[in-house]
N, C-alpha and C. Protein backbone atom coordinates (compact mmCIF):
# COMPACT_ATOMS: atom_id res chain seq x y z
N MET A 1 96.22 99.73 50.46
CA MET A 1 97.59 100.11 50.80
C MET A 1 98.31 98.90 51.39
N ASN A 2 99.45 98.51 50.75
CA ASN A 2 100.18 97.36 51.28
C ASN A 2 100.90 97.73 52.56
N GLU A 3 101.38 96.69 53.26
CA GLU A 3 101.96 96.90 54.58
C GLU A 3 103.19 97.79 54.55
N GLY A 4 104.06 97.58 53.53
CA GLY A 4 105.27 98.39 53.43
C GLY A 4 104.97 99.86 53.21
N HIS A 5 104.01 100.13 52.32
CA HIS A 5 103.64 101.52 52.05
C HIS A 5 102.98 102.13 53.28
N GLN A 6 102.16 101.35 53.97
CA GLN A 6 101.50 101.83 55.19
C GLN A 6 102.52 102.22 56.25
N GLN A 7 103.56 101.39 56.39
CA GLN A 7 104.59 101.70 57.38
C GLN A 7 105.35 102.97 57.02
N ARG A 8 105.72 103.11 55.74
CA ARG A 8 106.44 104.31 55.32
C ARG A 8 105.60 105.56 55.55
N ASP A 9 104.32 105.47 55.22
CA ASP A 9 103.43 106.61 55.41
C ASP A 9 103.33 106.98 56.89
N MET A 10 103.23 105.96 57.75
CA MET A 10 103.13 106.21 59.19
C MET A 10 104.41 106.85 59.72
N LEU A 11 105.55 106.34 59.29
CA LEU A 11 106.83 106.88 59.74
C LEU A 11 107.01 108.33 59.30
N GLN A 12 106.57 108.64 58.09
CA GLN A 12 106.67 110.01 57.60
C GLN A 12 105.79 110.96 58.41
N ARG A 13 104.60 110.49 58.76
CA ARG A 13 103.69 111.31 59.57
C ARG A 13 104.26 111.56 60.96
N ILE A 14 104.82 110.51 61.57
CA ILE A 14 105.41 110.68 62.89
C ILE A 14 106.57 111.66 62.83
N SER A 15 107.43 111.51 61.81
CA SER A 15 108.59 112.39 61.68
C SER A 15 108.15 113.84 61.49
N LYS A 16 107.14 114.06 60.65
CA LYS A 16 106.66 115.42 60.40
C LYS A 16 106.10 116.05 61.68
N CYS A 17 105.33 115.27 62.44
CA CYS A 17 104.75 115.79 63.68
C CYS A 17 105.83 116.07 64.72
N ALA A 18 106.79 115.16 64.83
CA ALA A 18 107.85 115.35 65.83
C ALA A 18 108.65 116.62 65.53
N GLU A 19 108.98 116.84 64.27
CA GLU A 19 109.76 118.02 63.90
C GLU A 19 108.94 119.30 64.13
N ALA A 20 107.66 119.28 63.74
CA ALA A 20 106.81 120.46 63.94
C ALA A 20 106.63 120.74 65.43
N LEU A 21 106.51 119.69 66.22
CA LEU A 21 106.33 119.86 67.67
C LEU A 21 107.59 120.43 68.31
N ARG A 22 108.75 119.96 67.86
CA ARG A 22 110.01 120.48 68.39
C ARG A 22 110.17 121.98 68.05
N GLN A 23 109.82 122.34 66.84
CA GLN A 23 109.89 123.75 66.45
C GLN A 23 108.93 124.60 67.27
N HIS A 24 107.74 124.04 67.52
CA HIS A 24 106.76 124.76 68.34
C HIS A 24 107.31 124.99 69.75
N ALA A 25 107.93 123.96 70.33
CA ALA A 25 108.49 124.08 71.68
C ALA A 25 109.59 125.14 71.71
N ASP A 26 110.40 125.21 70.66
CA ASP A 26 111.49 126.18 70.62
C ASP A 26 110.97 127.62 70.50
N ARG A 27 109.78 127.78 69.91
CA ARG A 27 109.23 129.13 69.71
C ARG A 27 108.42 129.63 70.91
N LEU A 28 108.08 128.75 71.85
CA LEU A 28 107.31 129.20 73.01
C LEU A 28 108.06 130.31 73.75
N PRO A 29 107.34 131.34 74.28
CA PRO A 29 105.89 131.40 74.43
C PRO A 29 105.14 132.07 73.29
N GLY A 30 105.81 132.33 72.15
CA GLY A 30 105.12 133.12 71.14
C GLY A 30 104.98 132.54 69.76
N PRO A 31 104.56 131.26 69.57
CA PRO A 31 104.36 130.75 68.22
C PRO A 31 103.14 131.41 67.57
N GLU A 32 103.18 131.53 66.26
CA GLU A 32 102.05 132.12 65.55
C GLU A 32 100.83 131.20 65.65
N PRO A 33 99.62 131.80 65.78
CA PRO A 33 98.41 130.97 65.84
C PRO A 33 98.27 130.03 64.64
N GLU A 34 98.72 130.50 63.46
CA GLU A 34 98.60 129.66 62.27
C GLU A 34 99.47 128.41 62.39
N SER A 35 100.67 128.56 62.93
CA SER A 35 101.55 127.40 63.07
C SER A 35 101.00 126.43 64.11
N THR A 36 100.38 126.96 65.17
CA THR A 36 99.76 126.09 66.17
C THR A 36 98.61 125.31 65.57
N ALA A 37 97.80 125.98 64.77
CA ALA A 37 96.67 125.31 64.12
C ALA A 37 97.16 124.23 63.16
N THR A 38 98.23 124.51 62.43
CA THR A 38 98.80 123.51 61.52
C THR A 38 99.32 122.31 62.29
N LEU A 39 100.01 122.56 63.39
CA LEU A 39 100.53 121.46 64.21
C LEU A 39 99.39 120.61 64.75
N MET A 40 98.32 121.24 65.21
CA MET A 40 97.17 120.49 65.72
C MET A 40 96.56 119.62 64.62
N GLU A 41 96.51 120.15 63.41
CA GLU A 41 95.98 119.36 62.29
C GLU A 41 96.86 118.15 62.02
N TYR A 42 98.18 118.34 62.02
CA TYR A 42 99.11 117.22 61.85
C TYR A 42 98.87 116.15 62.92
N LEU A 43 98.76 116.60 64.16
CA LEU A 43 98.62 115.66 65.28
C LEU A 43 97.28 114.93 65.24
N GLN A 44 96.23 115.62 64.85
CA GLN A 44 94.92 114.98 64.74
C GLN A 44 94.94 113.89 63.67
N GLN A 45 95.57 114.20 62.54
CA GLN A 45 95.70 113.19 61.48
C GLN A 45 96.56 112.02 61.95
N LEU A 46 97.64 112.34 62.67
CA LEU A 46 98.51 111.28 63.18
C LEU A 46 97.75 110.37 64.14
N ALA A 47 96.94 110.95 65.01
CA ALA A 47 96.17 110.15 65.96
C ALA A 47 95.23 109.19 65.23
N LEU A 48 94.60 109.67 64.17
CA LEU A 48 93.69 108.82 63.40
C LEU A 48 94.44 107.67 62.74
N TYR A 49 95.57 107.96 62.11
CA TYR A 49 96.34 106.92 61.44
C TYR A 49 96.94 105.95 62.46
N ALA A 50 97.38 106.46 63.60
CA ALA A 50 97.94 105.59 64.63
C ALA A 50 96.88 104.64 65.17
N ASP A 51 95.68 105.13 65.32
CA ASP A 51 94.58 104.28 65.77
C ASP A 51 94.30 103.18 64.76
N ALA A 52 94.41 103.52 63.47
CA ALA A 52 94.12 102.54 62.42
C ALA A 52 95.13 101.40 62.38
N VAL A 53 96.37 101.67 62.82
CA VAL A 53 97.41 100.62 62.80
C VAL A 53 97.75 100.13 64.22
N ASN A 54 96.89 100.50 65.18
CA ASN A 54 97.02 100.04 66.57
C ASN A 54 98.31 100.50 67.25
N LEU A 55 98.75 101.71 66.94
CA LEU A 55 99.88 102.32 67.66
C LEU A 55 99.30 103.22 68.75
N SER A 56 98.86 102.61 69.83
CA SER A 56 98.14 103.36 70.85
C SER A 56 99.00 104.42 71.53
N SER A 57 100.29 104.15 71.69
CA SER A 57 101.16 105.13 72.36
C SER A 57 101.29 106.40 71.52
N VAL A 58 101.46 106.24 70.22
CA VAL A 58 101.53 107.40 69.33
C VAL A 58 100.21 108.17 69.38
N GLN A 59 99.11 107.43 69.35
CA GLN A 59 97.79 108.07 69.40
C GLN A 59 97.61 108.87 70.70
N LYS A 60 98.00 108.28 71.82
CA LYS A 60 97.83 108.97 73.11
C LYS A 60 98.68 110.23 73.20
N ILE A 61 99.91 110.15 72.70
CA ILE A 61 100.76 111.35 72.73
C ILE A 61 100.16 112.44 71.85
N ALA A 62 99.73 112.07 70.64
CA ALA A 62 99.15 113.05 69.73
C ALA A 62 97.90 113.69 70.33
N ASP A 63 97.04 112.87 70.92
CA ASP A 63 95.82 113.40 71.54
C ASP A 63 96.14 114.33 72.72
N GLN A 64 97.11 113.92 73.54
CA GLN A 64 97.46 114.73 74.71
C GLN A 64 98.05 116.08 74.31
N VAL A 65 98.93 116.07 73.32
CA VAL A 65 99.53 117.33 72.87
C VAL A 65 98.46 118.24 72.27
N CYS A 66 97.54 117.66 71.50
CA CYS A 66 96.43 118.45 70.94
C CYS A 66 95.62 119.10 72.06
N TYR A 67 95.35 118.33 73.10
CA TYR A 67 94.59 118.85 74.24
C TYR A 67 95.32 120.04 74.87
N SER A 68 96.62 119.92 75.04
CA SER A 68 97.39 121.01 75.64
C SER A 68 97.44 122.24 74.72
N LEU A 69 97.59 121.99 73.42
CA LEU A 69 97.64 123.11 72.48
C LEU A 69 96.32 123.87 72.42
N ALA A 70 95.22 123.16 72.65
CA ALA A 70 93.89 123.78 72.57
C ALA A 70 93.52 124.54 73.84
N ARG A 71 94.33 124.43 74.89
CA ARG A 71 94.01 125.10 76.15
C ARG A 71 93.99 126.61 75.95
N PRO A 72 92.91 127.28 76.34
CA PRO A 72 92.84 128.73 76.15
C PRO A 72 93.68 129.48 77.18
N GLY A 73 94.08 130.69 76.81
CA GLY A 73 94.80 131.54 77.75
C GLY A 73 96.28 131.25 77.81
N GLY A 74 97.03 132.22 78.31
CA GLY A 74 98.47 132.07 78.44
C GLY A 74 98.85 131.44 79.77
N LEU A 75 100.15 131.19 79.91
CA LEU A 75 100.68 130.60 81.14
C LEU A 75 101.77 131.50 81.70
N PRO A 76 101.98 131.46 83.03
CA PRO A 76 103.13 132.16 83.60
C PRO A 76 104.43 131.63 83.02
N SER A 77 105.48 132.41 83.14
CA SER A 77 106.76 132.07 82.53
C SER A 77 107.25 130.68 82.93
N ARG A 78 107.16 130.35 84.24
CA ARG A 78 107.67 129.05 84.70
C ARG A 78 106.89 127.91 84.08
N LEU A 79 105.57 128.03 84.01
CA LEU A 79 104.76 126.97 83.42
C LEU A 79 105.01 126.86 81.92
N GLN A 80 105.28 127.99 81.27
CA GLN A 80 105.62 127.95 79.84
C GLN A 80 106.90 127.16 79.61
N GLN A 81 107.88 127.36 80.48
CA GLN A 81 109.13 126.61 80.34
C GLN A 81 108.90 125.11 80.50
N LEU A 82 108.08 124.75 81.47
CA LEU A 82 107.80 123.33 81.71
C LEU A 82 106.98 122.74 80.57
N GLU A 83 106.05 123.51 80.04
CA GLU A 83 105.27 123.02 78.92
C GLU A 83 106.15 122.83 77.68
N SER A 84 107.07 123.76 77.46
CA SER A 84 108.00 123.62 76.35
C SER A 84 108.80 122.32 76.47
N ARG A 85 109.23 122.00 77.70
CA ARG A 85 109.98 120.76 77.91
C ARG A 85 109.09 119.54 77.68
N ASN A 86 107.83 119.63 78.09
CA ASN A 86 106.89 118.55 77.81
C ASN A 86 106.81 118.27 76.31
N TYR A 87 106.68 119.34 75.54
CA TYR A 87 106.56 119.19 74.09
C TYR A 87 107.84 118.60 73.49
N SER A 88 108.98 119.05 73.98
CA SER A 88 110.25 118.52 73.47
C SER A 88 110.39 117.03 73.77
N LEU A 89 110.02 116.63 74.98
CA LEU A 89 110.06 115.21 75.34
C LEU A 89 109.07 114.41 74.49
N ALA A 90 107.90 114.97 74.25
CA ALA A 90 106.91 114.28 73.42
C ALA A 90 107.45 114.06 72.01
N ALA A 91 108.14 115.07 71.46
CA ALA A 91 108.73 114.92 70.13
C ALA A 91 109.77 113.81 70.12
N GLU A 92 110.59 113.74 71.16
CA GLU A 92 111.60 112.67 71.23
C GLU A 92 110.96 111.30 71.37
N TRP A 93 109.90 111.21 72.15
CA TRP A 93 109.22 109.92 72.30
C TRP A 93 108.57 109.48 70.98
N LEU A 94 108.03 110.43 70.24
CA LEU A 94 107.46 110.07 68.93
C LEU A 94 108.55 109.49 68.03
N GLU A 95 109.72 110.11 68.03
CA GLU A 95 110.82 109.60 67.21
C GLU A 95 111.27 108.22 67.69
N GLN A 96 111.30 108.03 69.00
CA GLN A 96 111.69 106.72 69.54
C GLN A 96 110.66 105.66 69.17
N LEU A 97 109.38 106.01 69.24
CA LEU A 97 108.32 105.07 68.87
C LEU A 97 108.40 104.72 67.38
N ALA A 98 108.81 105.69 66.57
CA ALA A 98 108.98 105.42 65.14
C ALA A 98 110.08 104.38 64.93
N ARG A 99 111.17 104.47 65.68
CA ARG A 99 112.25 103.48 65.56
C ARG A 99 111.76 102.08 65.96
N LEU A 100 111.01 102.03 67.04
CA LEU A 100 110.48 100.73 67.49
C LEU A 100 109.50 100.16 66.46
N TYR A 101 108.67 101.02 65.90
CA TYR A 101 107.70 100.58 64.89
C TYR A 101 108.42 100.06 63.65
N ARG A 102 109.46 100.77 63.23
CA ARG A 102 110.23 100.34 62.06
C ARG A 102 110.88 98.98 62.31
N GLY A 103 111.32 98.75 63.54
CA GLY A 103 111.98 97.49 63.87
C GLY A 103 111.03 96.37 64.26
N GLY A 104 109.72 96.65 64.25
CA GLY A 104 108.75 95.62 64.62
C GLY A 104 108.75 95.29 66.10
N LEU A 105 109.22 96.23 66.94
CA LEU A 105 109.28 96.01 68.39
C LEU A 105 108.03 96.54 69.06
N PRO A 106 107.68 96.01 70.23
CA PRO A 106 106.45 96.44 70.91
C PRO A 106 106.59 97.84 71.49
N GLU A 107 105.45 98.49 71.70
CA GLU A 107 105.44 99.81 72.31
C GLU A 107 105.69 99.70 73.81
N PRO A 108 106.50 100.60 74.37
CA PRO A 108 106.70 100.62 75.83
C PRO A 108 105.59 101.42 76.50
N ARG A 109 104.39 100.87 76.53
CA ARG A 109 103.22 101.64 76.94
C ARG A 109 103.31 102.14 78.37
N GLU A 110 103.90 101.34 79.26
CA GLU A 110 104.01 101.78 80.65
C GLU A 110 104.96 102.98 80.77
N LEU A 111 105.96 103.02 79.92
CA LEU A 111 106.91 104.13 79.94
C LEU A 111 106.28 105.40 79.35
N ILE A 112 105.47 105.23 78.31
CA ILE A 112 104.78 106.37 77.73
C ILE A 112 103.84 106.99 78.75
N ALA A 113 103.28 106.16 79.64
CA ALA A 113 102.39 106.69 80.67
C ALA A 113 103.10 107.70 81.56
N ASP A 114 104.41 107.54 81.73
CA ASP A 114 105.16 108.51 82.53
C ASP A 114 105.24 109.86 81.83
N LEU A 115 105.36 109.85 80.51
CA LEU A 115 105.32 111.10 79.76
C LEU A 115 103.96 111.76 79.91
N LEU A 116 102.90 110.97 79.76
CA LEU A 116 101.55 111.51 79.89
C LEU A 116 101.32 112.06 81.29
N TYR A 117 101.95 111.44 82.27
CA TYR A 117 101.81 111.91 83.65
C TYR A 117 102.42 113.30 83.82
N SER A 118 103.52 113.58 83.13
CA SER A 118 104.12 114.91 83.22
C SER A 118 103.17 115.96 82.63
N PHE A 119 102.45 115.60 81.58
CA PHE A 119 101.43 116.51 81.05
C PHE A 119 100.32 116.71 82.07
N SER A 120 99.93 115.62 82.72
CA SER A 120 98.87 115.70 83.72
C SER A 120 99.27 116.61 84.88
N LEU A 121 100.52 116.52 85.32
CA LEU A 121 100.99 117.39 86.39
C LEU A 121 100.89 118.86 86.00
N LEU A 122 101.23 119.15 84.76
CA LEU A 122 101.14 120.53 84.30
C LEU A 122 99.69 121.00 84.29
N GLU A 123 98.78 120.12 83.86
CA GLU A 123 97.37 120.48 83.86
C GLU A 123 96.88 120.73 85.29
N GLN A 124 97.40 119.99 86.26
CA GLN A 124 97.04 120.24 87.66
C GLN A 124 97.45 121.65 88.07
N ALA A 125 98.65 122.06 87.66
CA ALA A 125 99.13 123.40 88.01
C ALA A 125 98.27 124.47 87.36
N VAL A 126 97.90 124.23 86.10
CA VAL A 126 97.02 125.18 85.41
C VAL A 126 95.67 125.24 86.12
N GLY A 127 95.16 124.06 86.52
CA GLY A 127 93.88 124.03 87.24
C GLY A 127 93.96 124.77 88.56
N ALA A 128 95.08 124.61 89.28
CA ALA A 128 95.24 125.31 90.56
C ALA A 128 95.26 126.82 90.35
N GLN A 129 95.88 127.24 89.26
CA GLN A 129 95.92 128.67 88.96
C GLN A 129 94.52 129.19 88.66
N ARG A 130 93.71 128.40 87.96
CA ARG A 130 92.34 128.81 87.66
C ARG A 130 91.52 128.95 88.94
N VAL A 131 91.74 128.02 89.88
CA VAL A 131 91.02 128.09 91.15
C VAL A 131 91.37 129.38 91.88
N GLU A 132 92.66 129.73 91.90
CA GLU A 132 93.08 130.97 92.56
C GLU A 132 92.46 132.19 91.91
N GLN A 133 92.18 132.09 90.60
CA GLN A 133 91.60 133.21 89.87
C GLN A 133 90.08 133.12 89.79
N GLY A 134 89.49 132.19 90.57
CA GLY A 134 88.04 132.03 90.57
C GLY A 134 87.53 131.14 89.47
N GLY A 135 88.38 130.22 88.98
CA GLY A 135 87.97 129.31 87.92
C GLY A 135 87.26 128.10 88.46
N PRO A 136 87.23 127.00 87.70
CA PRO A 136 86.53 125.78 88.11
C PRO A 136 87.07 125.25 89.42
N SER A 137 86.20 124.66 90.23
CA SER A 137 86.61 124.13 91.53
C SER A 137 87.26 122.76 91.41
N ASP A 138 87.02 122.07 90.32
CA ASP A 138 87.58 120.73 90.12
C ASP A 138 88.83 120.85 89.26
N LEU A 139 89.99 120.54 89.84
CA LEU A 139 91.25 120.67 89.10
C LEU A 139 91.30 119.77 87.89
N PHE A 140 90.52 118.68 87.88
CA PHE A 140 90.65 117.67 86.84
C PHE A 140 89.43 117.61 85.93
N ASP A 141 88.54 118.62 86.01
CA ASP A 141 87.28 118.50 85.27
C ASP A 141 87.47 118.54 83.77
N GLU A 142 88.62 119.06 83.30
CA GLU A 142 88.86 119.13 81.86
C GLU A 142 90.06 118.30 81.45
N ASP A 143 90.50 117.42 82.34
CA ASP A 143 91.73 116.66 82.08
C ASP A 143 91.41 115.21 81.77
N PRO A 144 91.48 114.78 80.50
CA PRO A 144 91.19 113.39 80.16
C PRO A 144 92.25 112.43 80.63
N VAL A 145 93.43 112.94 80.97
CA VAL A 145 94.52 112.06 81.39
C VAL A 145 94.38 111.63 82.84
N ALA A 146 93.67 112.46 83.65
CA ALA A 146 93.64 112.22 85.09
C ALA A 146 93.02 110.89 85.47
N THR A 147 92.18 110.34 84.58
CA THR A 147 91.54 109.06 84.90
C THR A 147 92.13 107.91 84.10
N SER A 148 93.23 108.16 83.41
CA SER A 148 93.82 107.13 82.57
C SER A 148 94.75 106.24 83.36
N GLU A 149 95.29 105.25 82.67
CA GLU A 149 96.21 104.33 83.32
C GLU A 149 97.53 104.98 83.66
N ALA A 150 97.69 106.28 83.26
CA ALA A 150 98.94 106.97 83.61
C ALA A 150 99.18 107.00 85.10
N TRP A 151 98.08 106.96 85.88
CA TRP A 151 98.24 107.00 87.33
C TRP A 151 98.78 105.68 87.87
N ASN A 152 98.64 104.61 87.10
CA ASN A 152 99.04 103.30 87.59
C ASN A 152 100.23 102.74 86.82
N SER A 153 101.01 103.65 86.26
CA SER A 153 102.14 103.21 85.46
C SER A 153 103.19 102.51 86.31
N TYR A 154 103.89 101.57 85.67
CA TYR A 154 105.01 100.92 86.33
C TYR A 154 105.98 100.46 85.26
N VAL A 155 107.22 100.30 85.64
CA VAL A 155 108.24 99.80 84.72
C VAL A 155 108.28 98.29 84.83
N GLN A 156 108.19 97.61 83.71
CA GLN A 156 108.16 96.16 83.73
C GLN A 156 109.48 95.60 84.23
N ASP A 157 109.38 94.50 85.02
CA ASP A 157 110.59 93.81 85.45
C ASP A 157 111.24 93.08 84.29
N ASN A 158 110.42 92.47 83.44
CA ASN A 158 110.95 91.75 82.28
C ASN A 158 111.00 92.72 81.11
N ASP A 159 112.15 93.24 80.84
CA ASP A 159 112.31 94.30 79.86
C ASP A 159 112.29 93.71 78.45
N PRO A 160 111.28 94.08 77.62
CA PRO A 160 111.21 93.54 76.25
C PRO A 160 112.27 94.11 75.33
N PHE A 161 113.02 95.13 75.78
CA PHE A 161 114.00 95.77 74.92
C PHE A 161 115.43 95.44 75.31
N VAL A 162 115.59 94.37 76.11
CA VAL A 162 116.92 94.07 76.62
C VAL A 162 117.91 93.78 75.50
N ASP A 163 117.42 93.26 74.37
CA ASP A 163 118.31 92.95 73.24
C ASP A 163 118.27 94.01 72.16
N ASP A 164 117.63 95.13 72.42
CA ASP A 164 117.48 96.19 71.44
C ASP A 164 118.71 97.09 71.45
N PRO A 165 119.44 97.21 70.32
CA PRO A 165 120.63 98.07 70.31
C PRO A 165 120.32 99.53 70.57
N GLY A 166 119.06 99.94 70.40
CA GLY A 166 118.69 101.32 70.68
C GLY A 166 118.24 101.55 72.10
N PHE A 167 118.41 100.53 72.95
CA PHE A 167 117.91 100.64 74.32
C PHE A 167 118.59 101.77 75.09
N GLY A 168 119.87 102.02 74.84
CA GLY A 168 120.56 103.08 75.57
C GLY A 168 119.87 104.42 75.39
N HIS A 169 119.48 104.71 74.15
CA HIS A 169 118.77 105.97 73.89
C HIS A 169 117.42 105.96 74.58
N LEU A 170 116.73 104.83 74.53
CA LEU A 170 115.41 104.72 75.16
C LEU A 170 115.53 104.93 76.66
N PHE A 171 116.54 104.31 77.28
CA PHE A 171 116.69 104.43 78.72
C PHE A 171 117.02 105.88 79.10
N ASP A 172 117.89 106.52 78.32
CA ASP A 172 118.23 107.91 78.59
C ASP A 172 117.00 108.80 78.49
N LEU A 173 116.17 108.55 77.47
CA LEU A 173 114.95 109.33 77.30
C LEU A 173 113.99 109.11 78.46
N LEU A 174 113.89 107.86 78.90
CA LEU A 174 113.03 107.56 80.05
C LEU A 174 113.52 108.30 81.30
N GLN A 175 114.84 108.25 81.53
CA GLN A 175 115.39 108.91 82.71
C GLN A 175 115.10 110.41 82.69
N ARG A 176 115.24 111.03 81.52
CA ARG A 176 114.97 112.46 81.43
C ARG A 176 113.49 112.77 81.62
N THR A 177 112.62 111.87 81.10
CA THR A 177 111.18 112.05 81.29
C THR A 177 110.81 111.97 82.76
N LEU A 178 111.35 110.96 83.45
CA LEU A 178 111.05 110.79 84.87
C LEU A 178 111.63 111.94 85.69
N SER A 179 112.82 112.39 85.33
CA SER A 179 113.43 113.51 86.03
C SER A 179 112.58 114.76 85.89
N HIS A 180 112.05 114.96 84.67
CA HIS A 180 111.19 116.12 84.44
C HIS A 180 109.91 116.01 85.26
N ALA A 181 109.30 114.83 85.31
CA ALA A 181 108.08 114.65 86.09
C ALA A 181 108.35 114.88 87.57
N THR A 182 109.50 114.41 88.05
CA THR A 182 109.85 114.62 89.45
C THR A 182 110.03 116.11 89.74
N GLU A 183 110.64 116.83 88.81
CA GLU A 183 110.81 118.27 88.97
C GLU A 183 109.46 118.97 89.01
N LEU A 184 108.54 118.52 88.15
CA LEU A 184 107.20 119.11 88.15
C LEU A 184 106.53 118.92 89.50
N ARG A 185 106.65 117.72 90.04
CA ARG A 185 106.01 117.43 91.32
C ARG A 185 106.58 118.31 92.43
N ALA A 186 107.88 118.57 92.39
CA ALA A 186 108.51 119.39 93.43
C ALA A 186 108.16 120.87 93.26
N ASP A 187 107.88 121.28 92.03
CA ASP A 187 107.65 122.69 91.72
C ASP A 187 106.25 123.17 92.08
N PHE A 188 105.27 122.26 91.97
CA PHE A 188 103.89 122.68 92.04
C PHE A 188 103.33 122.60 93.45
N PRO A 189 102.18 123.24 93.70
CA PRO A 189 101.56 123.19 95.03
C PRO A 189 101.25 121.76 95.43
N ALA A 190 101.12 121.54 96.74
CA ALA A 190 100.85 120.20 97.27
C ALA A 190 99.60 119.63 96.64
N ASP A 191 99.67 118.39 96.21
CA ASP A 191 98.56 117.68 95.60
C ASP A 191 97.60 117.22 96.69
N PRO A 192 96.29 117.60 96.64
CA PRO A 192 95.35 117.17 97.68
C PRO A 192 95.17 115.67 97.75
N PHE A 193 95.66 114.94 96.72
CA PHE A 193 95.51 113.49 96.70
C PHE A 193 96.82 112.79 97.00
N PHE A 194 97.77 113.50 97.64
CA PHE A 194 99.12 112.93 97.76
C PHE A 194 99.16 111.70 98.63
N GLN A 195 98.15 111.45 99.48
CA GLN A 195 98.16 110.27 100.32
C GLN A 195 97.47 109.08 99.66
N ASP A 196 96.94 109.29 98.47
CA ASP A 196 96.23 108.23 97.75
C ASP A 196 97.21 107.54 96.81
N PRO A 197 97.58 106.28 97.05
CA PRO A 197 98.59 105.61 96.20
C PRO A 197 98.14 105.44 94.76
N GLN A 198 96.82 105.54 94.50
CA GLN A 198 96.33 105.41 93.14
C GLN A 198 96.34 106.73 92.40
N ALA A 199 96.60 107.84 93.12
CA ALA A 199 96.49 109.15 92.48
C ALA A 199 97.73 110.01 92.61
N THR A 200 98.75 109.52 93.25
CA THR A 200 99.92 110.37 93.48
C THR A 200 100.92 110.32 92.36
N GLY A 201 100.74 109.48 91.38
CA GLY A 201 101.68 109.45 90.27
C GLY A 201 102.06 108.04 89.92
N THR A 202 103.09 107.91 89.16
CA THR A 202 103.48 106.62 88.66
C THR A 202 104.48 105.96 89.57
N GLY A 203 104.43 104.65 89.56
CA GLY A 203 105.37 103.91 90.39
C GLY A 203 106.80 104.18 90.02
N SER A 204 107.07 104.33 88.73
CA SER A 204 108.44 104.54 88.30
C SER A 204 108.97 105.88 88.75
N VAL A 205 108.11 106.92 88.78
CA VAL A 205 108.54 108.21 89.29
C VAL A 205 108.88 108.11 90.76
N ASP A 206 108.01 107.42 91.54
CA ASP A 206 108.26 107.28 92.97
C ASP A 206 109.55 106.52 93.22
N MET A 207 109.81 105.44 92.44
CA MET A 207 111.02 104.66 92.63
C MET A 207 112.25 105.50 92.32
N LEU A 208 112.17 106.32 91.24
CA LEU A 208 113.32 107.13 90.87
C LEU A 208 113.60 108.17 91.94
N ALA A 209 112.52 108.77 92.50
CA ALA A 209 112.72 109.77 93.54
C ALA A 209 113.36 109.16 94.77
N ALA A 210 112.97 107.91 95.10
CA ALA A 210 113.50 107.25 96.28
C ALA A 210 114.91 106.74 96.06
N ASP A 211 115.20 106.28 94.84
CA ASP A 211 116.50 105.67 94.56
C ASP A 211 116.90 105.97 93.13
N PRO A 212 117.60 107.11 92.87
CA PRO A 212 117.95 107.48 91.50
C PRO A 212 118.74 106.42 90.76
N GLY A 213 119.42 105.53 91.47
CA GLY A 213 120.22 104.51 90.80
C GLY A 213 119.46 103.26 90.47
N ARG A 214 118.16 103.23 90.78
CA ARG A 214 117.40 102.01 90.58
C ARG A 214 117.33 101.59 89.13
N GLY A 215 117.32 102.62 88.22
CA GLY A 215 117.21 102.30 86.81
C GLY A 215 118.33 101.42 86.32
N ASP A 216 119.51 101.50 87.00
CA ASP A 216 120.66 100.74 86.53
C ASP A 216 120.69 99.32 87.08
N ASP A 217 120.20 99.15 88.31
CA ASP A 217 120.35 97.82 88.90
C ASP A 217 119.06 97.30 89.51
N GLY A 218 117.89 97.89 89.09
CA GLY A 218 116.63 97.47 89.67
C GLY A 218 116.35 96.01 89.46
N ASP A 219 116.68 95.49 88.26
CA ASP A 219 116.39 94.09 87.98
C ASP A 219 117.22 93.18 88.87
N GLN A 220 118.51 93.58 89.09
CA GLN A 220 119.39 92.75 89.91
C GLN A 220 118.86 92.69 91.34
N ASN A 221 118.38 93.85 91.85
CA ASN A 221 117.84 93.88 93.20
C ASN A 221 116.63 92.99 93.33
N ASN A 222 115.80 92.98 92.26
CA ASN A 222 114.61 92.14 92.30
C ASN A 222 114.99 90.67 92.38
N GLN A 223 116.07 90.31 91.66
CA GLN A 223 116.48 88.91 91.68
C GLN A 223 117.03 88.52 93.03
N ASP A 224 117.71 89.49 93.69
CA ASP A 224 118.25 89.19 95.02
C ASP A 224 117.14 89.02 96.03
């Protein structure tokens, strides 16, 4: 398979998964089991192809969404709403990554970690609910994201997308992702690890919570 054909095939797979994921999010809490199984198959194939072309961010999103889709049991209404938003954001990030891939631009891996962190927060809430119902005592025993670099995410000072005409959309998507993660943190029970700087979340979420305007002038402040 030549490079051009490989790229077209990858872009088509990302587009198909993003659209299917968005439809799944819109149908929550009641998508048909068959459609969920089909979406998981799409995502599993996407993860394999992304790994083959070294698109690690696409692979991580696909794997994380598959993990969430495979979770047994239903969720309370509030958690269903938050999970639906997670899926919608994941679909948008897949589309954004497709644009970057088409343009030959690098993946914003640190920013993707913030999306993965929002999934991790939701898994913490699900784990807390299981504990209340007599489930596993370890909130993170089934969470592959809890030990990932998502906990150590940060926004780069030297922005590789400063000359990218699509940066406005990327920045808006990042802001909405961080806002969603901040809302998740405020909504859920107190995290037993909240005093641990390595486990309380991403640096970019903390900066946004402390200074919502930092995204606009953070670089200037650093220079000062």
